Amino acid sequence: MNYFFVVLSAAYIFGIFFLADSALVNQISVFNPMSLLHIPLYGILTILLVLALKTGPKNPSKWRYIFASLLTIAVASLDEFYQSFIPSRKASVTDIFLDVIGICLGIFFSWRILFFRRASFFIKRKER
């Protein structure tokens, strides 16, 4: 487990909930009428969680992708539930759907990044 990314992921999740009722989010929502910012928001969280669960280049575990996805879906669902209690915000199933798109993209990009890093690691070792 990579503790740097564990702390970074926890801070990111805290920021999602803490900023849900902020003036900054209300101003951003003017430029985000279709809630499309949910896609990169939860895609980045997924990548952070995958990196937090990274076990090493010699031991790639597919379970970290599944666990990171489930954890991110739980955070997205709790965020929408929390927003249902904020007067200036509204909960939406569409937002959760956009979150899932972001999660899928986050899994894809993190897998590609880690796959290529792992492949280059093994290529360098064979050249020696």
N, C-alpha and C. Protein backbone atom coordinates (compact mmCIF):
# COMPACT_ATOMS: atom_id res chain seq x y z
N MET A 1 0.85 -1.18 0.00
CA MET A 1 0.00 0.00 0.00
C MET A 1 0.90 1.24 0.00
N ASN A 2 0.55 2.20 -0.80
CA ASN A 2 1.32 3.43 -0.91
C ASN A 2 0.65 4.50 -0.04
N TYR A 3 1.27 4.79 1.09
CA TYR A 3 0.64 5.67 2.08
C TYR A 3 0.52 7.11 1.60
N PHE A 4 1.41 7.55 0.72
CA PHE A 4 1.29 8.90 0.17
C PHE A 4 -0.03 9.04 -0.57
N PHE A 5 -0.36 8.06 -1.41
CA PHE A 5 -1.60 8.13 -2.17
C PHE A 5 -2.83 7.82 -1.31
N VAL A 6 -2.63 7.09 -0.22
CA VAL A 6 -3.73 6.88 0.73
C VAL A 6 -4.14 8.22 1.35
N VAL A 7 -3.15 8.98 1.80
CA VAL A 7 -3.42 10.29 2.39
C VAL A 7 -3.98 11.25 1.35
N LEU A 8 -3.42 11.23 0.16
CA LEU A 8 -3.91 12.10 -0.92
C LEU A 8 -5.35 11.75 -1.30
N SER A 9 -5.68 10.47 -1.36
CA SER A 9 -7.05 10.03 -1.67
C SER A 9 -8.01 10.47 -0.57
N ALA A 10 -7.60 10.32 0.69
CA ALA A 10 -8.46 10.73 1.81
C ALA A 10 -8.69 12.24 1.78
N ALA A 11 -7.65 13.01 1.49
CA ALA A 11 -7.81 14.46 1.40
C ALA A 11 -8.72 14.84 0.23
N TYR A 12 -8.61 14.13 -0.87
CA TYR A 12 -9.45 14.38 -2.05
C TYR A 12 -10.91 14.09 -1.72
N ILE A 13 -11.17 12.98 -1.05
CA ILE A 13 -12.54 12.63 -0.65
C ILE A 13 -13.09 13.67 0.33
N PHE A 14 -12.26 14.08 1.28
CA PHE A 14 -12.67 15.12 2.22
C PHE A 14 -13.03 16.39 1.46
N GLY A 15 -12.23 16.74 0.47
CA GLY A 15 -12.50 17.93 -0.33
C GLY A 15 -13.82 17.84 -1.08
N ILE A 16 -14.14 16.67 -1.59
CA ILE A 16 -15.41 16.48 -2.30
C ILE A 16 -16.58 16.80 -1.38
N PHE A 17 -16.54 16.28 -0.16
CA PHE A 17 -17.65 16.50 0.77
C PHE A 17 -17.62 17.90 1.38
N PHE A 18 -16.42 18.39 1.70
CA PHE A 18 -16.31 19.69 2.35
C PHE A 18 -16.70 20.82 1.41
N LEU A 19 -16.37 20.69 0.14
CA LEU A 19 -16.64 21.75 -0.82
C LEU A 19 -18.02 21.64 -1.47
N ALA A 20 -18.80 20.63 -1.09
CA ALA A 20 -20.12 20.42 -1.72
C ALA A 20 -21.06 21.60 -1.53
N ASP A 21 -20.91 22.31 -0.43
CA ASP A 21 -21.79 23.44 -0.13
C ASP A 21 -21.05 24.77 -0.18
N SER A 22 -19.97 24.83 -0.94
CA SER A 22 -19.18 26.06 -0.97
C SER A 22 -19.64 26.99 -2.10
N ALA A 23 -19.26 28.23 -1.96
CA ALA A 23 -19.58 29.22 -2.99
C ALA A 23 -18.82 28.91 -4.29
N LEU A 24 -17.64 28.33 -4.16
CA LEU A 24 -16.85 27.98 -5.33
C LEU A 24 -17.59 26.96 -6.21
N VAL A 25 -18.17 25.96 -5.60
CA VAL A 25 -18.90 24.95 -6.36
C VAL A 25 -20.15 25.56 -6.99
N ASN A 26 -20.80 26.46 -6.28
CA ASN A 26 -21.98 27.13 -6.85
C ASN A 26 -21.60 27.98 -8.06
N GLN A 27 -20.43 28.62 -8.04
CA GLN A 27 -19.98 29.41 -9.18
C GLN A 27 -19.58 28.52 -10.35
N ILE A 28 -18.95 27.38 -10.05
CA ILE A 28 -18.55 26.46 -11.11
C ILE A 28 -19.77 25.84 -11.78
N SER A 29 -20.84 25.62 -11.02
CA SER A 29 -22.03 24.99 -11.58
C SER A 29 -22.66 25.83 -12.69
N VAL A 30 -22.39 27.13 -12.72
CA VAL A 30 -22.89 27.99 -13.80
C VAL A 30 -22.26 27.57 -15.13
N PHE A 31 -20.98 27.17 -15.09
CA PHE A 31 -20.27 26.76 -16.31
C PHE A 31 -20.39 25.26 -16.56
N ASN A 32 -21.11 24.56 -15.70
CA ASN A 32 -21.22 23.10 -15.77
C ASN A 32 -22.69 22.68 -15.75
N PRO A 33 -23.48 23.10 -16.73
CA PRO A 33 -24.92 22.84 -16.66
C PRO A 33 -25.29 21.37 -16.75
N MET A 34 -24.46 20.54 -17.37
CA MET A 34 -24.80 19.12 -17.52
C MET A 34 -24.04 18.24 -16.53
N SER A 35 -23.41 18.83 -15.54
CA SER A 35 -22.65 18.11 -14.51
C SER A 35 -21.51 17.27 -15.09
N LEU A 36 -20.93 17.71 -16.18
CA LEU A 36 -19.87 16.93 -16.82
C LEU A 36 -18.57 16.93 -16.02
N LEU A 37 -18.43 17.82 -15.06
CA LEU A 37 -17.22 17.82 -14.23
C LEU A 37 -17.16 16.62 -13.30
N HIS A 38 -18.27 15.89 -13.17
CA HIS A 38 -18.26 14.67 -12.37
C HIS A 38 -17.32 13.63 -12.98
N ILE A 39 -17.20 13.63 -14.29
CA ILE A 39 -16.37 12.62 -14.96
C ILE A 39 -14.90 12.76 -14.56
N PRO A 40 -14.25 13.91 -14.73
CA PRO A 40 -12.85 13.98 -14.30
C PRO A 40 -12.69 13.94 -12.78
N LEU A 41 -13.67 14.46 -12.03
CA LEU A 41 -13.58 14.46 -10.58
C LEU A 41 -13.44 13.04 -10.04
N TYR A 42 -14.30 12.14 -10.50
CA TYR A 42 -14.27 10.77 -10.00
C TYR A 42 -13.27 9.90 -10.76
N GLY A 43 -12.89 10.30 -11.95
CA GLY A 43 -11.81 9.60 -12.65
C GLY A 43 -10.49 9.79 -11.93
N ILE A 44 -10.23 11.02 -11.49
CA ILE A 44 -9.00 11.30 -10.73
C ILE A 44 -9.01 10.56 -9.40
N LEU A 45 -10.16 10.54 -8.73
CA LEU A 45 -10.25 9.81 -7.46
C LEU A 45 -9.96 8.33 -7.67
N THR A 46 -10.46 7.76 -8.74
CA THR A 46 -10.21 6.35 -9.04
C THR A 46 -8.73 6.09 -9.25
N ILE A 47 -8.07 6.96 -10.01
CA ILE A 47 -6.63 6.80 -10.24
C ILE A 47 -5.86 6.90 -8.93
N LEU A 48 -6.23 7.86 -8.08
CA LEU A 48 -5.56 7.98 -6.78
C LEU A 48 -5.74 6.73 -5.93
N LEU A 49 -6.94 6.16 -5.94
CA LEU A 49 -7.17 4.96 -5.16
C LEU A 49 -6.43 3.75 -5.72
N VAL A 50 -6.35 3.64 -7.04
CA VAL A 50 -5.58 2.55 -7.64
C VAL A 50 -4.11 2.67 -7.25
N LEU A 51 -3.58 3.89 -7.28
CA LEU A 51 -2.19 4.10 -6.89
C LEU A 51 -1.98 3.86 -5.41
N ALA A 52 -2.99 4.16 -4.60
CA ALA A 52 -2.89 3.90 -3.17
C ALA A 52 -2.85 2.40 -2.88
N LEU A 53 -3.52 1.62 -3.70
CA LEU A 53 -3.58 0.17 -3.50
C LEU A 53 -2.50 -0.58 -4.26
N LYS A 54 -1.59 0.15 -4.91
CA LYS A 54 -0.55 -0.48 -5.71
C LYS A 54 0.36 -1.32 -4.83
N THR A 55 0.58 -2.55 -5.26
CA THR A 55 1.38 -3.48 -4.46
C THR A 55 2.79 -3.65 -4.98
N GLY A 56 3.08 -3.20 -6.17
CA GLY A 56 4.43 -3.31 -6.72
C GLY A 56 4.41 -3.80 -8.14
N PRO A 57 5.50 -3.58 -8.89
CA PRO A 57 5.52 -3.96 -10.30
C PRO A 57 5.53 -5.47 -10.51
N LYS A 58 6.04 -6.23 -9.55
CA LYS A 58 6.10 -7.68 -9.71
C LYS A 58 4.80 -8.35 -9.27
N ASN A 59 3.94 -7.63 -8.59
CA ASN A 59 2.72 -8.22 -8.07
C ASN A 59 1.51 -7.39 -8.46
N PRO A 60 1.19 -7.32 -9.76
CA PRO A 60 0.01 -6.54 -10.15
C PRO A 60 -1.27 -7.29 -9.80
N SER A 61 -2.11 -6.65 -9.05
CA SER A 61 -3.35 -7.29 -8.62
C SER A 61 -4.54 -6.62 -9.30
N LYS A 62 -5.38 -7.45 -9.94
CA LYS A 62 -6.58 -6.91 -10.57
C LYS A 62 -7.61 -6.51 -9.52
N TRP A 63 -7.46 -7.03 -8.32
CA TRP A 63 -8.41 -6.71 -7.25
C TRP A 63 -8.33 -5.25 -6.85
N ARG A 64 -7.17 -4.63 -7.01
CA ARG A 64 -7.07 -3.21 -6.63
C ARG A 64 -7.95 -2.35 -7.53
N TYR A 65 -8.10 -2.74 -8.80
CA TYR A 65 -8.97 -2.00 -9.70
C TYR A 65 -10.44 -2.17 -9.30
N ILE A 66 -10.79 -3.38 -8.94
CA ILE A 66 -12.17 -3.65 -8.51
C ILE A 66 -12.46 -2.92 -7.20
N PHE A 67 -11.55 -3.03 -6.24
CA PHE A 67 -11.76 -2.38 -4.95
C PHE A 67 -11.79 -0.87 -5.09
N ALA A 68 -10.90 -0.31 -5.91
CA ALA A 68 -10.90 1.14 -6.13
C ALA A 68 -12.19 1.59 -6.78
N SER A 69 -12.70 0.80 -7.73
CA SER A 69 -13.97 1.14 -8.39
C SER A 69 -15.13 1.12 -7.40
N LEU A 70 -15.20 0.06 -6.60
CA LEU A 70 -16.30 -0.05 -5.62
C LEU A 70 -16.23 1.07 -4.58
N LEU A 71 -15.02 1.39 -4.14
CA LEU A 71 -14.86 2.46 -3.16
C LEU A 71 -15.26 3.81 -3.75
N THR A 72 -14.91 4.05 -5.00
CA THR A 72 -15.26 5.30 -5.65
C THR A 72 -16.76 5.40 -5.90
N ILE A 73 -17.40 4.28 -6.26
CA ILE A 73 -18.86 4.28 -6.42
C ILE A 73 -19.54 4.57 -5.09
N ALA A 74 -19.00 4.02 -4.00
CA ALA A 74 -19.55 4.29 -2.67
C ALA A 74 -19.42 5.77 -2.32
N VAL A 75 -18.27 6.36 -2.62
CA VAL A 75 -18.07 7.79 -2.34
C VAL A 75 -19.04 8.62 -3.19
N ALA A 76 -19.21 8.27 -4.46
CA ALA A 76 -20.12 9.00 -5.35
C ALA A 76 -21.55 8.91 -4.84
N SER A 77 -21.96 7.74 -4.41
CA SER A 77 -23.33 7.57 -3.89
C SER A 77 -23.53 8.35 -2.60
N LEU A 78 -22.56 8.28 -1.71
CA LEU A 78 -22.66 9.05 -0.46
C LEU A 78 -22.65 10.55 -0.72
N ASP A 79 -21.90 10.98 -1.72
CA ASP A 79 -21.87 12.39 -2.07
C ASP A 79 -23.24 12.85 -2.57
N GLU A 80 -23.87 12.05 -3.41
CA GLU A 80 -25.21 12.42 -3.89
C GLU A 80 -26.24 12.40 -2.75
N PHE A 81 -26.11 11.44 -1.85
CA PHE A 81 -27.00 11.40 -0.68
C PHE A 81 -26.79 12.64 0.18
N TYR A 82 -25.54 13.00 0.40
CA TYR A 82 -25.20 14.20 1.17
C TYR A 82 -25.75 15.46 0.50
N GLN A 83 -25.66 15.53 -0.82
CA GLN A 83 -26.16 16.70 -1.55
C GLN A 83 -27.67 16.84 -1.45
N SER A 84 -28.37 15.75 -1.18
CA SER A 84 -29.83 15.84 -1.05
C SER A 84 -30.24 16.64 0.18
N PHE A 85 -29.33 16.84 1.13
CA PHE A 85 -29.61 17.62 2.33
C PHE A 85 -29.12 19.06 2.24
N ILE A 86 -28.45 19.41 1.15
CA ILE A 86 -27.94 20.76 0.97
C ILE A 86 -28.96 21.54 0.14
N PRO A 87 -29.47 22.66 0.68
CA PRO A 87 -30.52 23.41 -0.04
C PRO A 87 -30.11 23.90 -1.42
N SER A 88 -28.87 24.29 -1.61
CA SER A 88 -28.45 24.83 -2.90
C SER A 88 -28.06 23.75 -3.91
N ARG A 89 -28.07 22.49 -3.50
CA ARG A 89 -27.69 21.39 -4.39
C ARG A 89 -28.83 20.40 -4.52
N LYS A 90 -28.75 19.54 -5.52
CA LYS A 90 -29.76 18.49 -5.66
C LYS A 90 -29.06 17.18 -6.02
N ALA A 91 -29.60 16.11 -5.50
CA ALA A 91 -29.06 14.79 -5.80
C ALA A 91 -29.64 14.32 -7.13
N SER A 92 -28.85 13.56 -7.86
CA SER A 92 -29.30 13.13 -9.18
C SER A 92 -28.70 11.78 -9.53
N VAL A 93 -29.52 10.91 -10.09
CA VAL A 93 -29.03 9.63 -10.58
C VAL A 93 -28.13 9.84 -11.80
N THR A 94 -28.41 10.88 -12.56
CA THR A 94 -27.57 11.21 -13.72
C THR A 94 -26.14 11.51 -13.28
N ASP A 95 -26.00 12.20 -12.15
CA ASP A 95 -24.66 12.49 -11.64
C ASP A 95 -23.92 11.20 -11.30
N ILE A 96 -24.60 10.23 -10.72
CA ILE A 96 -23.95 8.95 -10.41
C ILE A 96 -23.56 8.24 -11.70
N PHE A 97 -24.39 8.32 -12.73
CA PHE A 97 -24.06 7.74 -14.02
C PHE A 97 -22.79 8.39 -14.59
N LEU A 98 -22.70 9.71 -14.49
CA LEU A 98 -21.49 10.42 -14.95
C LEU A 98 -20.29 10.03 -14.11
N ASP A 99 -20.51 9.82 -12.81
CA ASP A 99 -19.42 9.37 -11.94
C ASP A 99 -18.90 8.01 -12.38
N VAL A 100 -19.81 7.11 -12.77
CA VAL A 100 -19.40 5.78 -13.22
C VAL A 100 -18.61 5.87 -14.52
N ILE A 101 -18.97 6.79 -15.39
CA ILE A 101 -18.18 7.00 -16.61
C ILE A 101 -16.77 7.45 -16.24
N GLY A 102 -16.68 8.38 -15.29
CA GLY A 102 -15.37 8.82 -14.82
C GLY A 102 -14.57 7.70 -14.18
N ILE A 103 -15.25 6.84 -13.43
CA ILE A 103 -14.58 5.70 -12.81
C ILE A 103 -14.03 4.75 -13.87
N CYS A 104 -14.83 4.47 -14.88
CA CYS A 104 -14.37 3.59 -15.97
C CYS A 104 -13.16 4.19 -16.69
N LEU A 105 -13.20 5.48 -16.96
CA LEU A 105 -12.06 6.14 -17.61
C LEU A 105 -10.84 6.14 -16.69
N GLY A 106 -11.06 6.35 -15.40
CA GLY A 106 -9.96 6.32 -14.44
C GLY A 106 -9.31 4.94 -14.37
N ILE A 107 -10.12 3.89 -14.39
CA ILE A 107 -9.59 2.53 -14.39
C ILE A 107 -8.80 2.27 -15.68
N PHE A 108 -9.36 2.69 -16.80
CA PHE A 108 -8.68 2.49 -18.08
C PHE A 108 -7.32 3.19 -18.11
N PHE A 109 -7.29 4.47 -17.74
CA PHE A 109 -6.04 5.23 -17.79
C PHE A 109 -5.03 4.72 -16.77
N SER A 110 -5.48 4.38 -15.57
CA SER A 110 -4.53 3.88 -14.57
C SER A 110 -3.98 2.52 -15.01
N TRP A 111 -4.81 1.67 -15.60
CA TRP A 111 -4.33 0.38 -16.08
C TRP A 111 -3.30 0.58 -17.18
N ARG A 112 -3.59 1.49 -18.11
CA ARG A 112 -2.65 1.74 -19.21
C ARG A 112 -1.33 2.29 -18.70
N ILE A 113 -1.41 3.23 -17.78
CA ILE A 113 -0.18 3.83 -17.23
C ILE A 113 0.63 2.78 -16.49
N LEU A 114 -0.01 2.03 -15.61
CA LEU A 114 0.70 1.03 -14.83
C LEU A 114 1.17 -0.13 -15.71
N PHE A 115 0.39 -0.47 -16.72
CA PHE A 115 0.80 -1.55 -17.63
C PHE A 115 2.07 -1.17 -18.38
N PHE A 116 2.11 0.05 -18.90
CA PHE A 116 3.30 0.46 -19.65
C PHE A 116 4.50 0.65 -18.73
N ARG A 117 4.28 1.11 -17.53
CA ARG A 117 5.39 1.23 -16.59
C ARG A 117 5.92 -0.15 -16.23
N ARG A 118 5.01 -1.11 -16.04
CA ARG A 118 5.40 -2.48 -15.70
C ARG A 118 6.14 -3.11 -16.87
N ALA A 119 5.66 -2.88 -18.09
CA ALA A 119 6.30 -3.44 -19.27
C ALA A 119 7.71 -2.86 -19.44
N SER A 120 7.86 -1.56 -19.24
CA SER A 120 9.19 -0.96 -19.39
C SER A 120 10.12 -1.44 -18.28
N PHE A 121 9.58 -1.74 -17.10
CA PHE A 121 10.39 -2.26 -16.01
C PHE A 121 10.98 -3.62 -16.39
N PHE A 122 10.16 -4.49 -16.98
CA PHE A 122 10.63 -5.81 -17.36
C PHE A 122 11.57 -5.75 -18.56
N ILE A 123 11.33 -4.83 -19.48
CA ILE A 123 12.22 -4.70 -20.65
C ILE A 123 13.59 -4.24 -20.19
N LYS A 124 13.66 -3.29 -19.28
CA LYS A 124 14.94 -2.80 -18.77
C LYS A 124 15.70 -3.91 -18.05
N ARG A 125 14.98 -4.76 -17.31
CA ARG A 125 15.65 -5.84 -16.58
C ARG A 125 16.20 -6.88 -17.53
N LYS A 126 15.52 -7.14 -18.64
CA LYS A 126 16.00 -8.14 -19.60
C LYS A 126 17.22 -7.64 -20.36
N GLU A 127 17.35 -6.33 -20.54
CA GLU A 127 18.48 -5.78 -21.28
C GLU A 127 19.77 -5.88 -20.51
N ARG A 128 19.71 -5.98 -19.21
CA ARG A 128 20.94 -6.01 -18.39
C ARG A 128 21.69 -7.27 -18.54
